[in-house]
Amino acid sequence: LMDTHLSCVLEKRKNAVLCSNMEFRVDGKPDDKINEQ
């Protein structure tokens, strides 16, 4: 993992998910308490 290319592509793949917005919904509506977590 000290290899720059390997660490770069790993971070690129992870960041694609980490930069996506996520929500917790109950009956189609956002739950503010859990979304705060």
PDB file of all heavy atoms in Angstrom:
ATOM      1  N   LEU A   1       0.812  -1.215   0.000  1.00  0.00           N
ATOM      2  CA  LEU A   1       0.000   0.000   0.000  1.00  0.00           C
ATOM      3  C   LEU A   1       0.845   1.266   0.000  1.00  0.00           C
ATOM      4  O   LEU A   1       0.301   2.366  -0.131  1.00  0.00           O
ATOM      5  CB  LEU A   1      -0.951   0.006   1.199  1.00  0.00           C
ATOM      6  CG  LEU A   1      -2.155  -0.930   1.089  1.00  0.00           C
ATOM      7  CD1 LEU A   1      -2.946  -0.955   2.381  1.00  0.00           C
ATOM      8  CD2 LEU A   1      -3.052  -0.525  -0.077  1.00  0.00           C
ATOM      9  N   MET A   2       2.173   1.115   0.154  1.00  0.00           N
ATOM     10  CA  MET A   2       3.072   2.248  -0.023  1.00  0.00           C
ATOM     11  C   MET A   2       3.219   2.614  -1.493  1.00  0.00           C
ATOM     12  O   MET A   2       3.731   3.682  -1.816  1.00  0.00           O
ATOM     13  CB  MET A   2       4.449   1.916   0.570  1.00  0.00           C
ATOM     14  CG  MET A   2       4.433   1.607   2.061  1.00  0.00           C
ATOM     15  SD  MET A   2       4.015   3.025   3.076  1.00  0.00           S
ATOM     16  CE  MET A   2       5.489   4.020   2.893  1.00  0.00           C
ATOM     17  N   ASP A   3       2.782   1.728  -2.384  1.00  0.00           N
ATOM     18  CA  ASP A   3       2.836   2.006  -3.819  1.00  0.00           C
ATOM     19  C   ASP A   3       1.827   3.096  -4.161  1.00  0.00           C
ATOM     20  O   ASP A   3       0.646   3.012  -3.803  1.00  0.00           O
ATOM     21  CB  ASP A   3       2.541   0.734  -4.616  1.00  0.00           C
ATOM     22  CG  ASP A   3       2.599   0.960  -6.117  1.00  0.00           C
ATOM     23  OD1 ASP A   3       3.719   1.034  -6.652  1.00  0.00           O
ATOM     24  OD2 ASP A   3       1.538   1.075  -6.738  1.00  0.00           O
ATOM     25  N   THR A   4       2.284   4.121  -4.848  1.00  0.00           N
ATOM     26  CA  THR A   4       1.434   5.277  -5.128  1.00  0.00           C
ATOM     27  C   THR A   4       0.273   4.945  -6.055  1.00  0.00           C
ATOM     28  O   THR A   4      -0.846   5.430  -5.864  1.00  0.00           O
ATOM     29  CB  THR A   4       2.262   6.422  -5.731  1.00  0.00           C
ATOM     30  OG1 THR A   4       2.964   5.944  -6.892  1.00  0.00           O
ATOM     31  CG2 THR A   4       3.272   6.952  -4.717  1.00  0.00           C
ATOM     32  N   HIS A   5       0.512   4.127  -7.078  1.00  0.00           N
ATOM     33  CA  HIS A   5      -0.560   3.814  -8.016  1.00  0.00           C
ATOM     34  C   HIS A   5      -1.639   2.969  -7.361  1.00  0.00           C
ATOM     35  O   HIS A   5      -2.839   3.238  -7.527  1.00  0.00           O
ATOM     36  CB  HIS A   5       0.001   3.078  -9.242  1.00  0.00           C
ATOM     37  CG  HIS A   5      -1.032   2.812 -10.291  1.00  0.00           C
ATOM     38  ND1 HIS A   5      -1.439   3.757 -11.210  1.00  0.00           N
ATOM     39  CD2 HIS A   5      -1.770   1.698 -10.567  1.00  0.00           C
ATOM     40  CE1 HIS A   5      -2.357   3.252 -12.010  1.00  0.00           C
ATOM     41  NE2 HIS A   5      -2.587   1.995 -11.636  1.00  0.00           N
ATOM     42  N   LEU A   6      -1.247   1.968  -6.591  1.00  0.00           N
ATOM     43  CA  LEU A   6      -2.218   1.116  -5.922  1.00  0.00           C
ATOM     44  C   LEU A   6      -3.049   1.923  -4.931  1.00  0.00           C
ATOM     45  O   LEU A   6      -4.285   1.808  -4.899  1.00  0.00           O
ATOM     46  CB  LEU A   6      -1.516  -0.036  -5.209  1.00  0.00           C
ATOM     47  CG  LEU A   6      -2.423  -0.953  -4.373  1.00  0.00           C
ATOM     48  CD1 LEU A   6      -3.471  -1.621  -5.253  1.00  0.00           C
ATOM     49  CD2 LEU A   6      -1.597  -2.012  -3.646  1.00  0.00           C
ATOM     50  N   SER A   7      -2.403   2.734  -4.106  1.00  0.00           N
ATOM     51  CA  SER A   7      -3.140   3.533  -3.137  1.00  0.00           C
ATOM     52  C   SER A   7      -4.063   4.533  -3.830  1.00  0.00           C
ATOM     53  O   SER A   7      -5.154   4.822  -3.337  1.00  0.00           O
ATOM     54  CB  SER A   7      -2.174   4.253  -2.200  1.00  0.00           C
ATOM     55  OG  SER A   7      -1.317   5.131  -2.916  1.00  0.00           O
ATOM     56  N   CYS A   8      -3.639   5.040  -4.991  1.00  0.00           N
ATOM     57  CA  CYS A   8      -4.452   6.007  -5.736  1.00  0.00           C
ATOM     58  C   CYS A   8      -5.742   5.376  -6.235  1.00  0.00           C
ATOM     59  O   CYS A   8      -6.831   5.932  -6.054  1.00  0.00           O
ATOM     60  CB  CYS A   8      -3.650   6.589  -6.895  1.00  0.00           C
ATOM     61  SG  CYS A   8      -4.598   7.652  -8.012  1.00  0.00           S
ATOM     62  N   VAL A   9      -5.658   4.209  -6.881  1.00  0.00           N
ATOM     63  CA  VAL A   9      -6.858   3.574  -7.429  1.00  0.00           C
ATOM     64  C   VAL A   9      -7.776   3.070  -6.319  1.00  0.00           C
ATOM     65  O   VAL A   9      -9.008   3.064  -6.469  1.00  0.00           O
ATOM     66  CB  VAL A   9      -6.485   2.443  -8.408  1.00  0.00           C
ATOM     67  CG1 VAL A   9      -5.786   3.006  -9.638  1.00  0.00           C
ATOM     68  CG2 VAL A   9      -5.612   1.382  -7.747  1.00  0.00           C
ATOM     69  N   LEU A  10      -7.203   2.651  -5.187  1.00  0.00           N
ATOM     70  CA  LEU A  10      -8.032   2.253  -4.057  1.00  0.00           C
ATOM     71  C   LEU A  10      -8.830   3.443  -3.515  1.00  0.00           C
ATOM     72  O   LEU A  10     -10.038   3.335  -3.249  1.00  0.00           O
ATOM     73  CB  LEU A  10      -7.168   1.651  -2.945  1.00  0.00           C
ATOM     74  CG  LEU A  10      -6.621   0.243  -3.163  1.00  0.00           C
ATOM     75  CD1 LEU A  10      -5.711  -0.160  -2.003  1.00  0.00           C
ATOM     76  CD2 LEU A  10      -7.747  -0.762  -3.310  1.00  0.00           C
ATOM     77  N   GLU A  11      -8.156   4.570  -3.333  1.00  0.00           N
ATOM     78  CA  GLU A  11      -8.835   5.757  -2.845  1.00  0.00           C
ATOM     79  C   GLU A  11      -9.879   6.249  -3.844  1.00  0.00           C
ATOM     80  O   GLU A  11     -10.955   6.712  -3.448  1.00  0.00           O
ATOM     81  CB  GLU A  11      -7.820   6.869  -2.562  1.00  0.00           C
ATOM     82  CG  GLU A  11      -6.943   6.607  -1.340  1.00  0.00           C
ATOM     83  CD  GLU A  11      -7.763   6.519  -0.063  1.00  0.00           C
ATOM     84  OE1 GLU A  11      -8.678   7.350   0.110  1.00  0.00           O
ATOM     85  OE2 GLU A  11      -7.510   5.613   0.750  1.00  0.00           O
ATOM     86  N   LYS A  12      -9.587   6.141  -5.119  1.00  0.00           N
ATOM     87  CA  LYS A  12     -10.530   6.560  -6.140  1.00  0.00           C
ATOM     88  C   LYS A  12     -11.804   5.730  -6.076  1.00  0.00           C
ATOM     89  O   LYS A  12     -12.913   6.263  -6.152  1.00  0.00           O
ATOM     90  CB  LYS A  12      -9.901   6.453  -7.528  1.00  0.00           C
ATOM     91  CG  LYS A  12     -10.816   6.912  -8.660  1.00  0.00           C
ATOM     92  CD  LYS A  12     -10.122   6.812 -10.008  1.00  0.00           C
ATOM     93  CE  LYS A  12     -11.049   7.306 -11.118  1.00  0.00           C
ATOM     94  NZ  LYS A  12     -10.398   7.224 -12.456  1.00  0.00           N
ATOM     95  N   ARG A  13     -11.664   4.421  -5.913  1.00  0.00           N
ATOM     96  CA  ARG A  13     -12.834   3.554  -5.843  1.00  0.00           C
ATOM     97  C   ARG A  13     -13.627   3.819  -4.565  1.00  0.00           C
ATOM     98  O   ARG A  13     -14.863   3.874  -4.604  1.00  0.00           O
ATOM     99  CB  ARG A  13     -12.413   2.090  -5.922  1.00  0.00           C
ATOM    100  CG  ARG A  13     -13.571   1.115  -5.785  1.00  0.00           C
ATOM    101  CD  ARG A  13     -13.185  -0.285  -6.171  1.00  0.00           C
ATOM    102  NE  ARG A  13     -14.223  -1.248  -5.867  1.00  0.00           N
ATOM    103  CZ  ARG A  13     -14.169  -2.545  -6.159  1.00  0.00           C
ATOM    104  NH1 ARG A  13     -13.109  -3.017  -6.807  1.00  0.00           N
ATOM    105  NH2 ARG A  13     -15.164  -3.349  -5.846  1.00  0.00           N
ATOM    106  N   LYS A  14     -12.948   3.987  -3.442  1.00  0.00           N
ATOM    107  CA  LYS A  14     -13.637   4.240  -2.181  1.00  0.00           C
ATOM    108  C   LYS A  14     -14.306   5.608  -2.175  1.00  0.00           C
ATOM    109  O   LYS A  14     -15.434   5.765  -1.691  1.00  0.00           O
ATOM    110  CB  LYS A  14     -12.662   4.112  -1.007  1.00  0.00           C
ATOM    111  CG  LYS A  14     -12.169   2.695  -0.759  1.00  0.00           C
ATOM    112  CD  LYS A  14     -11.075   2.652   0.285  1.00  0.00           C
ATOM    113  CE  LYS A  14     -11.532   3.169   1.618  1.00  0.00           C
ATOM    114  NZ  LYS A  14     -10.480   3.045   2.670  1.00  0.00           N
ATOM    115  N   ASN A  15     -13.609   6.613  -2.703  1.00  0.00           N
ATOM    116  CA  ASN A  15     -14.158   7.971  -2.689  1.00  0.00           C
ATOM    117  C   ASN A  15     -15.428   8.087  -3.522  1.00  0.00           C
ATOM    118  O   ASN A  15     -16.273   8.944  -3.246  1.00  0.00           O
ATOM    119  CB  ASN A  15     -13.120   8.968  -3.186  1.00  0.00           C
ATOM    120  CG  ASN A  15     -12.000   9.187  -2.192  1.00  0.00           C
ATOM    121  OD1 ASN A  15     -12.159   8.948  -0.987  1.00  0.00           O
ATOM    122  ND2 ASN A  15     -10.851   9.654  -2.674  1.00  0.00           N
ATOM    123  N   ALA A  16     -15.562   7.258  -4.541  1.00  0.00           N
ATOM    124  CA  ALA A  16     -16.780   7.292  -5.343  1.00  0.00           C
ATOM    125  C   ALA A  16     -18.005   6.981  -4.493  1.00  0.00           C
ATOM    126  O   ALA A  16     -19.085   7.531  -4.716  1.00  0.00           O
ATOM    127  CB  ALA A  16     -16.672   6.304  -6.511  1.00  0.00           C
ATOM    128  N   VAL A  17     -17.862   6.107  -3.502  1.00  0.00           N
ATOM    129  CA  VAL A  17     -18.961   5.784  -2.594  1.00  0.00           C
ATOM    130  C   VAL A  17     -19.032   6.791  -1.453  1.00  0.00           C
ATOM    131  O   VAL A  17     -20.109   7.248  -1.064  1.00  0.00           O
ATOM    132  CB  VAL A  17     -18.807   4.359  -2.025  1.00  0.00           C
ATOM    133  CG1 VAL A  17     -19.952   4.029  -1.064  1.00  0.00           C
ATOM    134  CG2 VAL A  17     -18.775   3.340  -3.153  1.00  0.00           C
ATOM    135  N   LEU A  18     -17.871   7.156  -0.899  1.00  0.00           N
ATOM    136  CA  LEU A  18     -17.842   8.070   0.237  1.00  0.00           C
ATOM    137  C   LEU A  18     -18.379   9.451  -0.115  1.00  0.00           C
ATOM    138  O   LEU A  18     -18.900  10.160   0.754  1.00  0.00           O
ATOM    139  CB  LEU A  18     -16.413   8.194   0.777  1.00  0.00           C
ATOM    140  CG  LEU A  18     -15.815   6.922   1.403  1.00  0.00           C
ATOM    141  CD1 LEU A  18     -14.349   7.141   1.760  1.00  0.00           C
ATOM    142  CD2 LEU A  18     -16.605   6.512   2.632  1.00  0.00           C
ATOM    143  N   CYS A  19     -18.253   9.850  -1.373  1.00  0.00           N
ATOM    144  CA  CYS A  19     -18.748  11.158  -1.804  1.00  0.00           C
ATOM    145  C   CYS A  19     -20.216  11.125  -2.222  1.00  0.00           C
ATOM    146  O   CYS A  19     -20.768  12.148  -2.623  1.00  0.00           O
ATOM    147  CB  CYS A  19     -17.899  11.695  -2.959  1.00  0.00           C
ATOM    148  SG  CYS A  19     -16.199  12.097  -2.491  1.00  0.00           S
ATOM    149  N   SER A  20     -20.846   9.960  -2.141  1.00  0.00           N
ATOM    150  CA  SER A  20     -22.264   9.837  -2.469  1.00  0.00           C
ATOM    151  C   SER A  20     -23.115  10.155  -1.240  1.00  0.00           C
ATOM    152  O   SER A  20     -22.781   9.745  -0.128  1.00  0.00           O
ATOM    153  CB  SER A  20     -22.578   8.423  -2.974  1.00  0.00           C
ATOM    154  OG  SER A  20     -21.784   8.090  -4.104  1.00  0.00           O
ATOM    155  N   ASN A  21     -24.188  10.870  -1.441  1.00  0.00           N
ATOM    156  CA  ASN A  21     -25.095  11.199  -0.343  1.00  0.00           C
ATOM    157  C   ASN A  21     -25.863   9.955   0.100  1.00  0.00           C
ATOM    158  O   ASN A  21     -26.345   9.179  -0.725  1.00  0.00           O
ATOM    159  CB  ASN A  21     -26.079  12.291  -0.760  1.00  0.00           C
ATOM    160  CG  ASN A  21     -25.401  13.620  -1.007  1.00  0.00           C
ATOM    161  OD1 ASN A  21     -24.432  13.966  -0.328  1.00  0.00           O
ATOM    162  ND2 ASN A  21     -25.886  14.372  -1.987  1.00  0.00           N
ATOM    163  N   MET A  22     -25.968   9.772   1.416  1.00  0.00           N
ATOM    164  CA  MET A  22     -26.679   8.640   1.980  1.00  0.00           C
ATOM    165  C   MET A  22     -27.725   9.144   2.959  1.00  0.00           C
ATOM    166  O   MET A  22     -27.508  10.139   3.664  1.00  0.00           O
ATOM    167  CB  MET A  22     -25.717   7.673   2.674  1.00  0.00           C
ATOM    168  CG  MET A  22     -26.396   6.402   3.198  1.00  0.00           C
ATOM    169  SD  MET A  22     -25.253   5.282   4.061  1.00  0.00           S
ATOM    170  CE  MET A  22     -24.200   4.793   2.702  1.00  0.00           C
ATOM    171  N   GLU A  23     -28.854   8.446   3.021  1.00  0.00           N
ATOM    172  CA  GLU A  23     -29.932   8.806   3.930  1.00  0.00           C
ATOM    173  C   GLU A  23     -30.516   7.551   4.572  1.00  0.00           C
ATOM    174  O   GLU A  23     -30.391   6.453   4.040  1.00  0.00           O
ATOM    175  CB  GLU A  23     -31.053   9.559   3.205  1.00  0.00           C
ATOM    176  CG  GLU A  23     -30.751  11.007   2.876  1.00  0.00           C
ATOM    177  CD  GLU A  23     -31.943  11.722   2.277  1.00  0.00           C
ATOM    178  OE1 GLU A  23     -32.958  11.052   1.996  1.00  0.00           O
ATOM    179  OE2 GLU A  23     -31.872  12.960   2.109  1.00  0.00           O
ATOM    180  N   PHE A  24     -31.144   7.763   5.734  1.00  0.00           N
ATOM    181  CA  PHE A  24     -31.957   6.724   6.361  1.00  0.00           C
ATOM    182  C   PHE A  24     -33.392   7.199   6.315  1.00  0.00           C
ATOM    183  O   PHE A  24     -33.729   8.263   6.822  1.00  0.00           O
ATOM    184  CB  PHE A  24     -31.530   6.473   7.807  1.00  0.00           C
ATOM    185  CG  PHE A  24     -32.230   5.310   8.440  1.00  0.00           C
ATOM    186  CD1 PHE A  24     -31.770   4.023   8.246  1.00  0.00           C
ATOM    187  CD2 PHE A  24     -33.358   5.491   9.226  1.00  0.00           C
ATOM    188  CE1 PHE A  24     -32.424   2.940   8.822  1.00  0.00           C
ATOM    189  CE2 PHE A  24     -34.017   4.425   9.794  1.00  0.00           C
ATOM    190  CZ  PHE A  24     -33.545   3.138   9.598  1.00  0.00           C
ATOM    191  N   ARG A  25     -34.267   6.407   5.699  1.00  0.00           N
ATOM    192  CA  ARG A  25     -35.650   6.808   5.496  1.00  0.00           C
ATOM    193  C   ARG A  25     -36.596   5.813   6.155  1.00  0.00           C
ATOM    194  O   ARG A  25     -36.356   4.597   6.136  1.00  0.00           O
ATOM    195  CB  ARG A  25     -35.957   6.920   4.001  1.00  0.00           C
ATOM    196  CG  ARG A  25     -35.192   8.035   3.285  1.00  0.00           C
ATOM    197  CD  ARG A  25     -35.563   8.115   1.822  1.00  0.00           C
ATOM    198  NE  ARG A  25     -34.913   9.251   1.159  1.00  0.00           N
ATOM    199  CZ  ARG A  25     -35.069   9.554  -0.118  1.00  0.00           C
ATOM    200  NH1 ARG A  25     -35.871   8.809  -0.874  1.00  0.00           N
ATOM    201  NH2 ARG A  25     -34.445  10.604  -0.637  1.00  0.00           N
ATOM    202  N   VAL A  26     -37.649   6.354   6.718  1.00  0.00           N
ATOM    203  CA  VAL A  26     -38.737   5.571   7.289  1.00  0.00           C
ATOM    204  C   VAL A  26     -40.011   5.965   6.563  1.00  0.00           C
ATOM    205  O   VAL A  26     -40.407   7.133   6.580  1.00  0.00           O
ATOM    206  CB  VAL A  26     -38.880   5.817   8.805  1.00  0.00           C
ATOM    207  CG1 VAL A  26     -40.023   4.984   9.374  1.00  0.00           C
ATOM    208  CG2 VAL A  26     -37.583   5.498   9.530  1.00  0.00           C
ATOM    209  N   ASP A  27     -40.637   4.996   5.914  1.00  0.00           N
ATOM    210  CA  ASP A  27     -41.837   5.251   5.109  1.00  0.00           C
ATOM    211  C   ASP A  27     -41.582   6.306   4.041  1.00  0.00           C
ATOM    212  O   ASP A  27     -42.435   7.161   3.761  1.00  0.00           O
ATOM    213  CB  ASP A  27     -43.014   5.657   5.993  1.00  0.00           C
ATOM    214  CG  ASP A  27     -43.428   4.565   6.971  1.00  0.00           C
ATOM    215  OD1 ASP A  27     -43.248   3.380   6.625  1.00  0.00           O
ATOM    216  OD2 ASP A  27     -43.904   4.901   8.081  1.00  0.00           O
ATOM    217  N   GLY A  28     -40.396   6.274   3.465  1.00  0.00           N
ATOM    218  CA  GLY A  28     -40.052   7.192   2.395  1.00  0.00           C
ATOM    219  C   GLY A  28     -39.634   8.576   2.835  1.00  0.00           C
ATOM    220  O   GLY A  28     -39.313   9.426   1.991  1.00  0.00           O
ATOM    221  N   LYS A  29     -39.625   8.847   4.161  1.00  0.00           N
ATOM    222  CA  LYS A  29     -39.255  10.162   4.669  1.00  0.00           C
ATOM    223  C   LYS A  29     -37.942  10.084   5.444  1.00  0.00           C
ATOM    224  O   LYS A  29     -37.718   9.127   6.186  1.00  0.00           O
ATOM    225  CB  LYS A  29     -40.358  10.717   5.568  1.00  0.00           C
ATOM    226  CG  LYS A  29     -41.694  10.916   4.858  1.00  0.00           C
ATOM    227  CD  LYS A  29     -42.740  11.470   5.811  1.00  0.00           C
ATOM    228  CE  LYS A  29     -44.080  11.671   5.103  1.00  0.00           C
ATOM    229  NZ  LYS A  29     -45.122  12.188   6.033  1.00  0.00           N
ATOM    230  N   PRO A  30     -37.044  11.074   5.287  1.00  0.00           N
ATOM    231  CA  PRO A  30     -35.764  11.053   6.004  1.00  0.00           C
ATOM    232  C   PRO A  30     -35.956  11.082   7.515  1.00  0.00           C
ATOM    233  O   PRO A  30     -36.813  11.791   8.037  1.00  0.00           O
ATOM    234  CB  PRO A  30     -35.062  12.324   5.508  1.00  0.00           C
ATOM    235  CG  PRO A  30     -35.728  12.661   4.216  1.00  0.00           C
ATOM    236  CD  PRO A  30     -37.150  12.232   4.362  1.00  0.00           C
ATOM    237  N   ASP A  31     -35.153  10.283   8.232  1.00  0.00           N
ATOM    238  CA  ASP A  31     -35.142  10.271   9.687  1.00  0.00           C
ATOM    239  C   ASP A  31     -34.009  11.169  10.169  1.00  0.00           C
ATOM    240  O   ASP A  31     -32.833  10.837  10.024  1.00  0.00           O
ATOM    241  CB  ASP A  31     -34.954   8.839  10.204  1.00  0.00           C
ATOM    242  CG  ASP A  31     -35.108   8.728  11.708  1.00  0.00           C
ATOM    243  OD1 ASP A  31     -34.314   9.346  12.438  1.00  0.00           O
ATOM    244  OD2 ASP A  31     -36.020   8.022  12.176  1.00  0.00           O
ATOM    245  N   ASP A  32     -34.357  12.312  10.742  1.00  0.00           N
ATOM    246  CA  ASP A  32     -33.355  13.316  11.107  1.00  0.00           C
ATOM    247  C   ASP A  32     -32.380  12.800  12.157  1.00  0.00           C
ATOM    248  O   ASP A  32     -31.182  13.118  12.105  1.00  0.00           O
ATOM    249  CB  ASP A  32     -34.042  14.590  11.614  1.00  0.00           C
ATOM    250  CG  ASP A  32     -34.846  15.285  10.513  1.00  0.00           C
ATOM    251  OD1 ASP A  32     -34.525  15.070   9.318  1.00  0.00           O
ATOM    252  OD2 ASP A  32     -35.787  16.033  10.854  1.00  0.00           O
ATOM    253  N   LYS A  33     -32.835  12.009  13.109  1.00  0.00           N
ATOM    254  CA  LYS A  33     -31.975  11.537  14.187  1.00  0.00           C
ATOM    255  C   LYS A  33     -30.876  10.628  13.660  1.00  0.00           C
ATOM    256  O   LYS A  33     -29.708  10.780  14.011  1.00  0.00           O
ATOM    257  CB  LYS A  33     -32.799  10.813  15.255  1.00  0.00           C
ATOM    258  CG  LYS A  33     -31.987  10.412  16.476  1.00  0.00           C
ATOM    259  CD  LYS A  33     -32.862   9.786  17.543  1.00  0.00           C
ATOM    260  CE  LYS A  33     -32.044   9.420  18.778  1.00  0.00           C
ATOM    261  NZ  LYS A  33     -32.904   8.781  19.828  1.00  0.00           N
ATOM    262  N   ILE A  34     -31.244   9.686  12.821  1.00  0.00           N
ATOM    263  CA  ILE A  34     -30.253   8.766  12.274  1.00  0.00           C
ATOM    264  C   ILE A  34     -29.409   9.448  11.209  1.00  0.00           C
ATOM    265  O   ILE A  34     -28.205   9.182  11.088  1.00  0.00           O
ATOM    266  CB  ILE A  34     -30.937   7.507  11.721  1.00  0.00           C
ATOM    267  CG1 ILE A  34     -31.675   6.772  12.853  1.00  0.00           C
ATOM    268  CG2 ILE A  34     -29.926   6.578  11.061  1.00  0.00           C
ATOM    269  CD1 ILE A  34     -32.375   5.512  12.417  1.00  0.00           C
ATOM    270  N   ASN A  35     -30.001  10.334  10.437  1.00  0.00           N
ATOM    271  CA  ASN A  35     -29.232  11.064   9.427  1.00  0.00           C
ATOM    272  C   ASN A  35     -28.172  11.952  10.064  1.00  0.00           C
ATOM    273  O   ASN A  35     -27.144  12.238   9.445  1.00  0.00           O
ATOM    274  CB  ASN A  35     -30.165  11.883   8.551  1.00  0.00           C
ATOM    275  CG  ASN A  35     -30.941  11.031   7.559  1.00  0.00           C
ATOM    276  OD1 ASN A  35     -30.466   9.983   7.126  1.00  0.00           O
ATOM    277  ND2 ASN A  35     -32.132  11.466   7.201  1.00  0.00           N
ATOM    278  N   GLU A  36     -28.402  12.392  11.290  1.00  0.00           N
ATOM    279  CA  GLU A  36     -27.382  13.144  12.015  1.00  0.00           C
ATOM    280  C   GLU A  36     -26.177  12.254  12.309  1.00  0.00           C
ATOM    281  O   GLU A  36     -25.035  12.700  12.235  1.00  0.00           O
ATOM    282  CB  GLU A  36     -27.966  13.707  13.304  1.00  0.00           C
ATOM    283  CG  GLU A  36     -27.054  14.702  14.013  1.00  0.00           C
ATOM    284  CD  GLU A  36     -27.696  15.304  15.242  1.00  0.00           C
ATOM    285  OE1 GLU A  36     -28.780  14.828  15.643  1.00  0.00           O
ATOM    286  OE2 GLU A  36     -27.130  16.248  15.828  1.00  0.00           O
ATOM    287  N   GLN A  37     -26.425  10.984  12.625  1.00  0.00           N
ATOM    288  CA  GLN A  37     -25.340  10.031  12.814  1.00  0.00           C
ATOM    289  C   GLN A  37     -24.612   9.761  11.499  1.00  0.00           C
ATOM    290  O   GLN A  37     -23.383   9.618  11.470  1.00  0.00           O
ATOM    291  CB  GLN A  37     -25.878   8.716  13.388  1.00  0.00           C
ATOM    292  CG  GLN A  37     -26.519   8.810  14.765  1.00  0.00           C
ATOM    293  CD  GLN A  37     -25.516   8.905  15.884  1.00  0.00           C
ATOM    294  OE1 GLN A  37     -24.310   8.669  15.699  1.00  0.00           O
ATOM    295  NE2 GLN A  37     -25.997   9.255  17.068  1.00  0.00           N
TER     296      GLN A  37
END
